[in-house]
Amino acid sequence: MPTGTKKTVGSKTGTTAVAKPAGPQHIGFLQVRIAAAYSLKNTDSGVFGDVSDPFVLVKVGDSEKKTSTIQNDLNPKWKDGNFLTFDVMTGQNTMEITVFNEKNFSKSDSLGATTVVLQSLGRGTWEHKREKLRDSPDSEIEFEVRFDALWQKVDFATECKYYTKLVEALATKVPEKAAPFVKQASPILGALVAAFLVALPHCVQAVTLIQDYVDRMPEKIFYATLGILMCFFGGFFPATIAAFEAWQLCGGKEALAACKKLFGEFNKIKDASKKDDDIDADQDGVPDVLQIEAKALLQRKMRLAVSTVEPATINEALACIFTGWAGVMAVLKIKFAKTVTLGHMIGEQLYKVASQGEPLMSSAVPDEYHMWIPVMTKWFCKAVAISIAWWIQRVISAFHSAIRGGIMCTRYLLEFAKEKGYVTLNAEDTYIDEVAGWAVAALGFCFQLSVGFAVPFPLSIFLWPVSIVEYFIVWSVSSGP
């Protein structure tokens, strides 16, 4: 997208100057997980088994981070202190990995190094590597690396104008009666798209940090945390939780792979569009995309998108996603059949009562709107009925998830405590986990009931996307006959 290049004209000469970028920009996040090293050379005395004490130093640009040190081991394997993250800036093209032998009273010895070119890495996927070390041909380093590209920081005002122009161009493609409304809404739609692009880098960073935290969390602590979430929030999002479980059963992994393919195609369009936005064919210091009419800009971007993507890949990915979603809806309609049936029954009974007021409503509205009164009354009754039926379902789901989550939490915590040596009890030989689990379950259920299954503030700020998904799934499941 346009980068907001400024055009300044001298007061006397009339010459054009283009503003230069203000220093390095943040372009992505790099995550490195050091796994092991093999056949390292020994630079210690070797007396009484005294061999190298290796640690790994990773350098990206001016930033350096190191792992923990493993004592007396030429084939070390790291399990703790081996996860490193870096902010990648423009101009930083390589990652240097060096293995050192830690010295107590002198400078650490290098045991070999290797270099990874960042441009060779894929986007958003972990890559497993095992590289030979320079200066030590028999030595190797094993690690995983992941690069998540960050969208270029955008100027809100420039992007607003850019996307407003595109929406105005789209107004020529919609039905004639709708065109004026689309054109009037173009500034709002343009601002929404621009706001999304401004917020996207921060969302990517937040998701990346959460994923990193989950990846580093001990397995039993992860399941204990999951149990707490189920215990205290399972009744808030019963349809979303059921949809996730159904998604896993109906080809969730394949659909996720399809989403990654679509994202890859979208990245192709984004990269091609960025190059196109920088083209200045007439050499006047202003990108061509800022100088052409809205209709021409839309046609230019559509041609660019069509010529960039692979139609077969998009068709295959969309078909896979649609198949997965159809399977999810089928499972949910069966799972919540009683809830949907209850909603329709309540709706029918409500309409019998509400229909008695239709003559009164007819007298209050013009004659041309009378035909809409029964329709709107039925929709109102259906909305109320669905809300009641799903509130009952939330009570049931909250009770079930509270018991399941409470026992899961306490059981995994007990197993984790035993692993660490804090306790000597076995979960199979004691009822402590069940008793504590039921106590936690009671707290979780009472909490959900006390807030009326509405996410309390300030959690509602962070969970509003999940709430939107929940409402969408509820209406999708309940909309059938």
Protein backbone atom coordinates (compact mmCIF):
# COMPACT_ATOMS: atom_id res chain seq x y z
CA MET A 1 0.00 0.00 0.00
CA PRO A 2 1.14 3.60 -0.40
CA THR A 3 3.74 4.61 2.13
CA GLY A 4 2.71 8.21 2.34
CA THR A 5 5.65 9.65 0.34
CA LYS A 6 5.78 13.40 0.68
CA LYS A 7 6.29 15.77 -2.21
CA THR A 8 7.97 19.07 -1.38
CA VAL A 9 8.46 21.82 -3.91
CA GLY A 10 11.20 24.42 -3.47
CA SER A 11 9.99 28.02 -3.28
CA LYS A 12 12.44 29.26 -5.95
CA THR A 13 13.54 26.37 -8.07
CA GLY A 14 10.30 24.36 -8.12
CA THR A 15 12.29 21.16 -7.82
CA THR A 16 10.73 18.04 -6.31
CA ALA A 17 12.24 16.18 -3.37
CA VAL A 18 11.04 12.90 -1.93
CA ALA A 19 11.17 12.42 1.84
CA LYS A 20 13.50 9.61 2.92
CA PRO A 21 12.50 6.89 5.39
CA ALA A 22 13.31 7.76 8.99
CA GLY A 23 15.71 4.96 9.97
CA PRO A 24 15.23 1.19 10.30
CA GLN A 25 11.71 -0.15 10.61
CA HIS A 26 10.40 -3.19 12.45
CA ILE A 27 9.61 -5.87 9.84
CA GLY A 28 9.10 -9.07 11.84
CA PHE A 29 9.71 -11.40 14.76
CA LEU A 30 12.28 -14.19 14.87
CA GLN A 31 11.99 -17.12 17.27
CA VAL A 32 14.79 -19.63 17.81
CA ARG A 33 14.69 -22.83 19.85
CA ILE A 34 18.13 -24.44 20.31
CA ALA A 35 17.75 -28.23 20.61
CA ALA A 36 21.20 -29.83 20.70
CA ALA A 37 24.80 -29.85 19.50
CA TYR A 38 26.85 -32.82 18.39
CA SER A 39 30.52 -33.80 18.42
CA LEU A 40 31.74 -30.49 19.81
CA LYS A 41 35.46 -30.07 20.17
CA ASN A 42 36.98 -29.98 23.63
CA THR A 43 38.96 -26.89 24.61
CA ASP A 44 39.22 -27.79 28.31
CA SER A 45 41.92 -29.84 29.97
CA GLY A 46 40.25 -33.20 29.55
CA VAL A 47 41.56 -34.26 32.96
CA PHE A 48 39.10 -36.33 35.01
CA GLY A 49 36.42 -35.91 32.35
CA ASP A 50 36.72 -32.13 32.24
CA VAL A 51 35.36 -31.20 28.80
CA SER A 52 33.76 -28.13 27.23
CA ASP A 53 30.84 -26.39 28.97
CA PRO A 54 28.83 -25.29 25.90
CA PHE A 55 26.31 -22.50 25.49
CA VAL A 56 24.91 -20.99 22.30
CA LEU A 57 25.00 -17.30 21.40
CA VAL A 58 22.54 -16.11 18.74
CA LYS A 59 23.02 -12.72 17.12
CA VAL A 60 20.62 -10.80 14.88
CA GLY A 61 21.92 -7.36 13.99
CA ASP A 62 23.16 -5.73 17.19
CA SER A 63 20.98 -7.94 19.40
CA GLU A 64 22.62 -10.90 21.14
CA LYS A 65 21.01 -13.57 23.32
CA LYS A 66 22.39 -16.80 24.73
CA THR A 67 21.15 -20.10 26.06
CA SER A 68 21.87 -21.68 29.41
CA THR A 69 25.20 -23.47 29.87
CA ILE A 70 25.47 -27.26 30.03
CA GLN A 71 28.40 -28.52 32.05
CA ASN A 72 30.93 -31.07 30.72
CA ASP A 73 29.09 -32.28 27.65
CA LEU A 74 30.28 -32.47 24.03
CA ASN A 75 26.82 -33.60 22.88
CA PRO A 76 24.57 -31.25 24.86
CA LYS A 77 20.78 -31.16 24.65
CA TRP A 78 18.95 -28.05 25.82
CA LYS A 79 15.53 -28.28 27.46
CA ASP A 80 15.51 -25.05 29.48
CA GLY A 81 16.81 -21.58 28.72
CA ASN A 82 16.95 -22.38 25.00
CA PHE A 83 14.09 -20.26 23.61
CA LEU A 84 15.18 -16.90 22.16
CA THR A 85 13.18 -14.17 20.40
CA PHE A 86 14.31 -11.19 18.33
CA ASP A 87 12.77 -8.14 16.69
CA VAL A 88 13.93 -8.04 13.07
CA MET A 89 14.59 -4.61 11.54
CA THR A 90 15.20 -3.54 7.97
CA GLY A 91 18.77 -4.25 6.94
CA GLN A 92 19.11 -7.30 9.21
CA ASN A 93 19.48 -10.16 6.76
CA THR A 94 21.24 -12.92 8.71
CA MET A 95 21.22 -14.75 12.01
CA GLU A 96 24.58 -15.85 13.44
CA ILE A 97 24.64 -18.90 15.73
CA THR A 98 27.87 -19.55 17.66
CA VAL A 99 28.63 -22.30 20.17
CA PHE A 100 30.99 -21.27 22.99
CA ASN A 101 32.80 -23.06 25.78
CA GLU A 102 32.14 -21.06 28.93
CA LYS A 103 35.25 -20.12 30.94
CA ASN A 104 35.19 -18.98 34.53
CA PHE A 105 38.22 -16.68 34.51
CA SER A 106 38.95 -16.09 30.85
CA LYS A 107 37.22 -15.33 27.56
CA SER A 108 34.90 -18.06 26.30
CA ASP A 109 36.23 -20.18 23.43
CA SER A 110 34.33 -20.46 20.16
CA LEU A 111 33.50 -24.05 19.26
CA GLY A 112 32.12 -23.19 15.82
CA ALA A 113 29.44 -21.09 14.16
CA THR A 114 26.87 -21.13 11.39
CA THR A 115 24.89 -18.44 9.55
CA VAL A 116 21.22 -18.51 8.56
CA VAL A 117 19.95 -16.17 5.84
CA LEU A 118 16.61 -14.78 7.00
CA GLN A 119 15.27 -14.46 3.47
CA SER A 120 15.57 -18.23 3.08
CA LEU A 121 13.06 -18.83 5.88
CA GLY A 122 9.36 -19.36 5.31
CA ARG A 123 6.70 -17.24 6.97
CA GLY A 124 4.79 -18.26 10.05
CA THR A 125 6.08 -21.86 10.20
CA TRP A 126 8.68 -23.61 12.35
CA GLU A 127 11.63 -24.96 10.36
CA HIS A 128 13.84 -27.70 11.76
CA LYS A 129 17.53 -27.39 10.88
CA ARG A 130 20.72 -29.29 11.59
CA GLU A 131 23.78 -27.37 10.38
CA LYS A 132 27.51 -28.06 10.41
CA LEU A 133 29.63 -25.56 12.31
CA ARG A 134 32.38 -23.54 10.70
CA ASP A 135 35.89 -24.01 12.15
CA SER A 136 34.80 -27.42 13.45
CA PRO A 137 33.76 -29.65 10.52
CA ASP A 138 32.77 -32.59 12.72
CA SER A 139 30.45 -30.51 14.91
CA GLU A 140 26.76 -29.81 14.28
CA ILE A 141 24.03 -27.64 15.80
CA GLU A 142 20.34 -28.62 15.81
CA PHE A 143 17.69 -25.95 16.19
CA GLU A 144 14.23 -24.73 15.15
CA VAL A 145 13.60 -21.28 13.77
CA ARG A 146 10.49 -19.33 12.84
CA PHE A 147 10.11 -15.95 11.17
CA ASP A 148 6.82 -14.03 11.37
CA ALA A 149 6.75 -11.08 9.02
CA LEU A 150 5.22 -7.89 10.31
CA TRP A 151 3.31 -5.69 7.96
CA GLN A 152 4.95 -2.40 7.20
CA LYS A 153 3.72 0.38 9.43
CA VAL A 154 1.09 2.35 7.59
CA ASP A 155 0.06 5.97 7.71
CA PHE A 156 -3.61 6.12 8.71
CA ALA A 157 -4.53 9.26 6.76
CA THR A 158 -2.84 8.05 3.57
CA GLU A 159 -4.47 4.62 3.81
CA CYS A 160 -7.89 6.20 4.40
CA LYS A 161 -7.63 8.15 1.15
CA TYR A 162 -6.30 5.10 -0.68
CA TYR A 163 -9.07 2.71 0.35
CA THR A 164 -11.78 5.35 0.08
CA LYS A 165 -10.73 5.67 -3.53
CA LEU A 166 -11.02 1.91 -4.03
CA VAL A 167 -14.49 1.75 -2.43
CA GLU A 168 -15.66 4.62 -4.65
CA ALA A 169 -14.47 2.60 -7.62
CA LEU A 170 -16.40 -0.43 -6.34
CA ALA A 171 -19.55 1.71 -6.31
CA THR A 172 -19.54 1.53 -10.12
CA LYS A 173 -19.78 -2.29 -9.93
CA VAL A 174 -22.80 -2.58 -7.62
CA PRO A 175 -26.48 -2.24 -8.64
CA GLU A 176 -27.44 1.26 -9.68
CA LYS A 177 -29.77 1.85 -6.73
CA ALA A 178 -27.10 0.82 -4.22
CA ALA A 179 -24.26 2.80 -5.82
CA PRO A 180 -25.05 6.15 -4.11
CA PHE A 181 -25.09 4.49 -0.67
CA VAL A 182 -21.79 2.70 -1.29
CA LYS A 183 -20.23 5.97 -2.44
CA GLN A 184 -21.49 7.81 0.64
CA ALA A 185 -20.16 5.05 2.89
CA SER A 186 -16.76 4.97 1.18
CA PRO A 187 -15.01 7.28 3.72
CA ILE A 188 -16.25 5.10 6.61
CA LEU A 189 -15.30 1.84 4.89
CA GLY A 190 -11.92 3.26 3.91
CA ALA A 191 -11.26 4.30 7.51
CA LEU A 192 -12.25 0.84 8.77
CA VAL A 193 -9.82 -0.87 6.39
CA ALA A 194 -7.05 1.57 7.32
CA ALA A 195 -7.72 1.05 11.04
CA PHE A 196 -7.50 -2.71 10.49
CA LEU A 197 -4.11 -2.35 8.80
CA VAL A 198 -2.82 -0.11 11.59
CA ALA A 199 -3.98 -2.57 14.27
CA LEU A 200 -2.86 -5.71 12.44
CA PRO A 201 0.85 -5.59 13.42
CA HIS A 202 -0.08 -5.27 17.09
CA CYS A 203 -2.53 -8.18 16.80
CA VAL A 204 0.15 -10.31 15.14
CA GLN A 205 2.58 -9.46 17.92
CA ALA A 206 0.02 -10.30 20.61
CA VAL A 207 -0.86 -13.65 19.01
CA THR A 208 2.82 -14.47 18.58
CA LEU A 209 3.57 -13.73 22.24
CA ILE A 210 0.62 -15.83 23.41
CA GLN A 211 1.68 -18.71 21.18
CA ASP A 212 5.26 -18.47 22.46
CA TYR A 213 4.03 -18.56 26.06
CA VAL A 214 1.83 -21.60 25.39
CA ASP A 215 4.67 -23.41 23.59
CA ARG A 216 7.02 -22.90 26.54
CA MET A 217 4.45 -23.81 29.17
CA PRO A 218 4.89 -27.28 30.77
CA GLU A 219 2.35 -29.72 29.35
CA LYS A 220 0.58 -30.42 32.64
CA ILE A 221 0.42 -26.71 33.51
CA PHE A 222 -1.10 -26.09 30.08
CA TYR A 223 -3.85 -28.66 30.70
CA ALA A 224 -4.42 -27.32 34.22
CA THR A 225 -4.82 -23.81 32.78
CA LEU A 226 -7.19 -25.17 30.14
CA GLY A 227 -9.20 -26.78 32.94
CA ILE A 228 -9.49 -23.46 34.81
CA LEU A 229 -10.70 -21.73 31.63
CA MET A 230 -13.30 -24.45 31.07
CA CYS A 231 -14.37 -24.27 34.71
CA PHE A 232 -14.91 -20.50 34.82
CA PHE A 233 -15.77 -19.67 31.19
CA GLY A 234 -17.13 -22.87 29.59
CA GLY A 235 -20.74 -21.67 29.85
CA PHE A 236 -19.98 -18.39 28.10
CA PHE A 237 -19.06 -19.97 24.77
CA PRO A 238 -20.70 -23.43 24.52
CA ALA A 239 -21.24 -23.20 20.75
CA THR A 240 -17.67 -22.02 20.09
CA ILE A 241 -16.17 -24.82 22.21
CA ALA A 242 -18.36 -27.41 20.51
CA ALA A 243 -17.48 -25.96 17.10
CA PHE A 244 -13.77 -26.23 17.89
CA GLU A 245 -14.14 -29.87 18.91
CA ALA A 246 -16.20 -30.60 15.80
CA TRP A 247 -13.65 -28.76 13.67
CA GLN A 248 -10.94 -31.09 14.95
CA LEU A 249 -13.07 -34.11 14.04
CA CYS A 250 -14.10 -32.81 10.62
CA GLY A 251 -10.68 -32.17 9.14
CA GLY A 252 -9.49 -29.23 11.18
CA LYS A 253 -5.83 -29.86 10.36
CA GLU A 254 -6.55 -30.02 6.63
CA ALA A 255 -8.64 -26.86 6.80
CA LEU A 256 -5.88 -25.09 8.74
CA ALA A 257 -3.41 -26.09 6.05
CA ALA A 258 -5.85 -24.69 3.49
CA CYS A 259 -6.03 -21.40 5.43
CA LYS A 260 -2.22 -21.23 5.37
CA LYS A 261 -2.29 -21.71 1.60
CA LEU A 262 -4.79 -18.89 1.24
CA PHE A 263 -2.66 -16.71 3.50
CA GLY A 264 0.33 -17.52 1.32
CA GLU A 265 -1.57 -16.42 -1.78
CA PHE A 266 -2.69 -13.28 0.04
CA ASN A 267 0.94 -12.54 0.91
CA LYS A 268 1.81 -12.86 -2.77
CA ILE A 269 -0.80 -10.23 -3.60
CA LYS A 270 0.36 -8.02 -0.74
CA ASP A 271 4.01 -8.18 -1.81
CA ALA A 272 3.15 -7.57 -5.46
CA SER A 273 0.86 -4.68 -4.48
CA LYS A 274 3.62 -3.14 -2.35
CA LYS A 275 6.02 -3.20 -5.30
CA ASP A 276 3.31 -1.76 -7.53
CA ASP A 277 2.63 1.04 -5.02
CA ASP A 278 6.27 2.15 -5.24
CA ILE A 279 6.30 2.47 -9.04
CA ASP A 280 6.86 6.02 -10.22
CA ALA A 281 6.92 5.69 -14.02
CA ASP A 282 6.86 9.43 -14.72
CA GLN A 283 9.66 10.12 -12.17
CA ASP A 284 7.81 13.02 -10.53
CA GLY A 285 8.43 11.82 -6.97
CA VAL A 286 4.83 10.66 -6.38
CA PRO A 287 3.78 7.01 -6.79
CA ASP A 288 1.55 6.41 -9.81
CA VAL A 289 -1.21 4.81 -7.70
CA LEU A 290 -1.79 8.17 -6.00
CA GLN A 291 -2.23 9.96 -9.30
CA ILE A 292 -4.74 7.81 -11.18
CA GLU A 293 -8.54 7.77 -11.00
CA ALA A 294 -10.34 5.44 -8.61
CA LYS A 295 -11.74 3.22 -11.37
CA ALA A 296 -8.33 2.84 -13.00
CA LEU A 297 -6.75 2.04 -9.62
CA LEU A 298 -9.31 -0.70 -8.95
CA GLN A 299 -8.79 -2.24 -12.39
CA ARG A 300 -5.03 -2.09 -11.92
CA LYS A 301 -5.15 -3.87 -8.55
CA MET A 302 -7.62 -6.49 -9.81
CA ARG A 303 -5.38 -7.32 -12.78
CA LEU A 304 -2.41 -7.52 -10.43
CA ALA A 305 -4.23 -9.89 -8.05
CA VAL A 306 -5.51 -12.15 -10.84
CA SER A 307 -2.07 -12.44 -12.43
CA THR A 308 -0.31 -13.08 -9.08
CA VAL A 309 -2.29 -15.88 -7.44
CA GLU A 310 -2.65 -19.52 -8.44
CA PRO A 311 -6.37 -20.24 -9.12
CA ALA A 312 -6.03 -24.01 -8.55
CA THR A 313 -4.53 -23.45 -5.09
CA ILE A 314 -7.28 -21.01 -4.08
CA ASN A 315 -10.03 -23.30 -5.39
CA GLU A 316 -8.63 -26.32 -3.53
CA ALA A 317 -8.19 -24.37 -0.29
CA LEU A 318 -11.69 -22.86 -0.37
CA ALA A 319 -13.24 -26.25 -1.13
CA CYS A 320 -11.41 -27.78 1.85
CA ILE A 321 -12.52 -24.98 4.20
CA PHE A 322 -16.14 -25.17 2.99
CA THR A 323 -16.19 -28.95 3.47
CA GLY A 324 -14.85 -28.57 7.00
CA TRP A 325 -17.39 -25.88 7.88
CA ALA A 326 -20.26 -27.96 6.44
CA GLY A 327 -19.14 -30.87 8.61
CA VAL A 328 -18.98 -28.62 11.68
CA MET A 329 -22.50 -27.32 11.09
CA ALA A 330 -23.82 -30.86 10.67
CA VAL A 331 -22.24 -31.93 13.97
CA LEU A 332 -23.49 -28.82 15.80
CA LYS A 333 -27.04 -29.21 14.52
CA ILE A 334 -27.07 -32.75 15.88
CA LYS A 335 -25.39 -31.79 19.16
CA PHE A 336 -27.71 -28.84 19.80
CA ALA A 337 -30.84 -30.35 18.20
CA LYS A 338 -32.68 -30.27 21.53
CA THR A 339 -31.74 -26.63 22.06
CA VAL A 340 -32.89 -25.64 18.56
CA THR A 341 -36.14 -27.60 18.97
CA LEU A 342 -36.77 -25.98 22.33
CA GLY A 343 -36.17 -22.55 20.78
CA HIS A 344 -38.67 -23.19 17.99
CA MET A 345 -41.27 -24.49 20.45
CA ILE A 346 -40.85 -21.45 22.70
CA GLY A 347 -41.02 -19.20 19.63
CA GLU A 348 -44.30 -20.74 18.48
CA GLN A 349 -45.85 -20.29 21.90
CA LEU A 350 -44.62 -16.71 22.14
CA TYR A 351 -46.05 -15.92 18.71
CA LYS A 352 -49.48 -17.22 19.74
CA VAL A 353 -49.49 -14.59 22.47
CA ALA A 354 -47.78 -11.83 20.46
CA SER A 355 -50.10 -12.31 17.45
CA GLN A 356 -52.98 -11.07 19.56
CA GLY A 357 -51.41 -7.63 19.44
CA GLU A 358 -51.04 -7.50 15.64
CA PRO A 359 -54.39 -5.69 15.11
CA LEU A 360 -53.25 -3.01 17.55
CA MET A 361 -49.93 -2.64 15.69
CA SER A 362 -51.79 -2.48 12.36
CA SER A 363 -53.73 0.52 13.57
CA ALA A 364 -50.49 2.30 14.47
CA VAL A 365 -48.66 1.93 11.14
CA PRO A 366 -49.54 2.94 7.56
CA ASP A 367 -51.45 0.42 5.41
CA GLU A 368 -48.50 -0.29 3.09
CA TYR A 369 -46.52 -1.71 6.03
CA HIS A 370 -49.25 -4.07 7.33
CA MET A 371 -47.81 -7.06 5.45
CA TRP A 372 -44.57 -6.74 7.43
CA ILE A 373 -46.20 -6.92 10.85
CA PRO A 374 -46.59 -10.75 11.04
CA VAL A 375 -43.07 -11.25 9.68
CA MET A 376 -41.46 -8.87 12.15
CA THR A 377 -43.49 -10.31 15.02
CA LYS A 378 -42.35 -13.84 14.19
CA TRP A 379 -38.72 -12.73 13.96
CA PHE A 380 -38.97 -10.95 17.30
CA CYS A 381 -40.50 -14.01 18.96
CA LYS A 382 -37.85 -16.23 17.38
CA ALA A 383 -35.03 -14.00 18.66
CA VAL A 384 -36.44 -14.05 22.19
CA ALA A 385 -37.02 -17.81 22.03
CA ILE A 386 -33.50 -18.55 20.78
CA SER A 387 -32.06 -16.40 23.56
CA ILE A 388 -34.05 -18.30 26.20
CA ALA A 389 -33.17 -21.73 24.76
CA TRP A 390 -29.47 -20.94 24.54
CA TRP A 391 -29.46 -19.45 28.03
CA ILE A 392 -30.75 -22.81 29.29
CA GLN A 393 -28.05 -24.53 27.20
CA ARG A 394 -25.42 -22.28 28.76
CA VAL A 395 -26.54 -23.34 32.24
CA ILE A 396 -26.17 -27.00 31.24
CA SER A 397 -22.82 -26.37 29.53
CA ALA A 398 -21.57 -24.33 32.48
CA PHE A 399 -22.42 -27.14 34.90
CA HIS A 400 -20.77 -29.79 32.72
CA SER A 401 -17.67 -27.73 31.87
CA ALA A 402 -17.22 -26.62 35.50
CA ILE A 403 -17.06 -30.23 36.71
CA ARG A 404 -14.86 -31.36 33.82
CA GLY A 405 -12.54 -28.34 34.04
CA GLY A 406 -12.25 -28.33 37.86
CA ILE A 407 -11.20 -31.98 38.07
CA MET A 408 -8.88 -31.59 35.07
CA CYS A 409 -7.17 -28.61 36.73
CA THR A 410 -6.59 -30.21 40.13
CA ARG A 411 -5.54 -33.58 38.66
CA TYR A 412 -2.89 -32.11 36.37
CA LEU A 413 -1.65 -29.79 39.11
CA LEU A 414 -1.22 -32.79 41.40
CA GLU A 415 0.68 -34.68 38.70
CA PHE A 416 2.90 -31.65 38.06
CA ALA A 417 3.62 -31.28 41.79
CA LYS A 418 4.58 -34.95 41.95
CA GLU A 419 6.93 -34.59 38.96
CA LYS A 420 8.69 -31.69 40.68
CA GLY A 421 8.94 -33.61 43.94
CA TYR A 422 6.66 -31.29 45.89
CA VAL A 423 4.33 -34.15 46.87
CA THR A 424 4.49 -37.95 46.79
CA LEU A 425 0.77 -38.64 46.21
CA ASN A 426 -0.54 -40.43 43.13
CA ALA A 427 -3.72 -39.14 41.51
CA GLU A 428 -4.99 -42.74 41.30
CA ASP A 429 -4.40 -43.42 45.00
CA THR A 430 -6.06 -40.38 46.53
CA TYR A 431 -9.33 -38.50 46.42
CA ILE A 432 -7.71 -35.13 47.05
CA ASP A 433 -7.84 -34.15 43.38
CA GLU A 434 -11.56 -35.06 43.14
CA VAL A 435 -12.48 -33.17 46.32
CA ALA A 436 -10.48 -30.11 45.28
CA GLY A 437 -11.82 -30.43 41.73
CA TRP A 438 -15.43 -30.38 42.90
CA ALA A 439 -14.70 -27.35 45.07
CA VAL A 440 -13.16 -25.50 42.12
CA ALA A 441 -16.09 -26.62 39.94
CA ALA A 442 -18.58 -25.15 42.42
CA LEU A 443 -16.72 -21.83 42.37
CA GLY A 444 -16.59 -21.82 38.58
CA PHE A 445 -20.29 -22.58 38.16
CA CYS A 446 -21.35 -19.99 40.75
CA PHE A 447 -19.13 -17.40 39.06
CA GLN A 448 -20.70 -18.02 35.65
CA LEU A 449 -24.19 -17.97 37.09
CA SER A 450 -23.52 -14.77 39.05
CA VAL A 451 -22.54 -12.80 35.93
CA GLY A 452 -25.42 -14.20 33.89
CA PHE A 453 -23.05 -15.84 31.37
CA ALA A 454 -21.92 -12.42 30.17
CA VAL A 455 -18.17 -11.92 29.99
CA PRO A 456 -17.30 -9.42 32.75
CA PHE A 457 -15.36 -6.23 32.15
CA PRO A 458 -12.46 -5.87 31.34
CA LEU A 459 -12.25 -9.42 29.91
CA SER A 460 -15.05 -8.50 27.51
CA ILE A 461 -12.65 -6.09 25.77
CA PHE A 462 -10.22 -8.89 24.96
CA LEU A 463 -12.81 -11.59 24.26
CA TRP A 464 -15.19 -9.63 22.03
CA PRO A 465 -13.98 -11.45 18.88
CA VAL A 466 -14.87 -14.78 20.53
CA SER A 467 -18.26 -13.35 21.52
CA ILE A 468 -18.95 -12.39 17.91
CA VAL A 469 -17.99 -15.90 16.79
CA GLU A 470 -20.31 -17.35 19.45
CA TYR A 471 -23.29 -15.27 18.27
CA PHE A 472 -22.57 -16.16 14.64
CA ILE A 473 -22.46 -19.90 15.38
CA VAL A 474 -25.62 -19.73 17.52
CA TRP A 475 -27.61 -18.05 14.76
CA SER A 476 -26.12 -20.36 12.11
CA VAL A 477 -27.21 -23.43 14.08
CA SER A 478 -30.61 -21.98 15.00
CA SER A 479 -31.54 -20.58 11.59
CA GLY A 480 -32.64 -23.95 10.17
CA PRO A 481 -36.27 -24.98 10.08
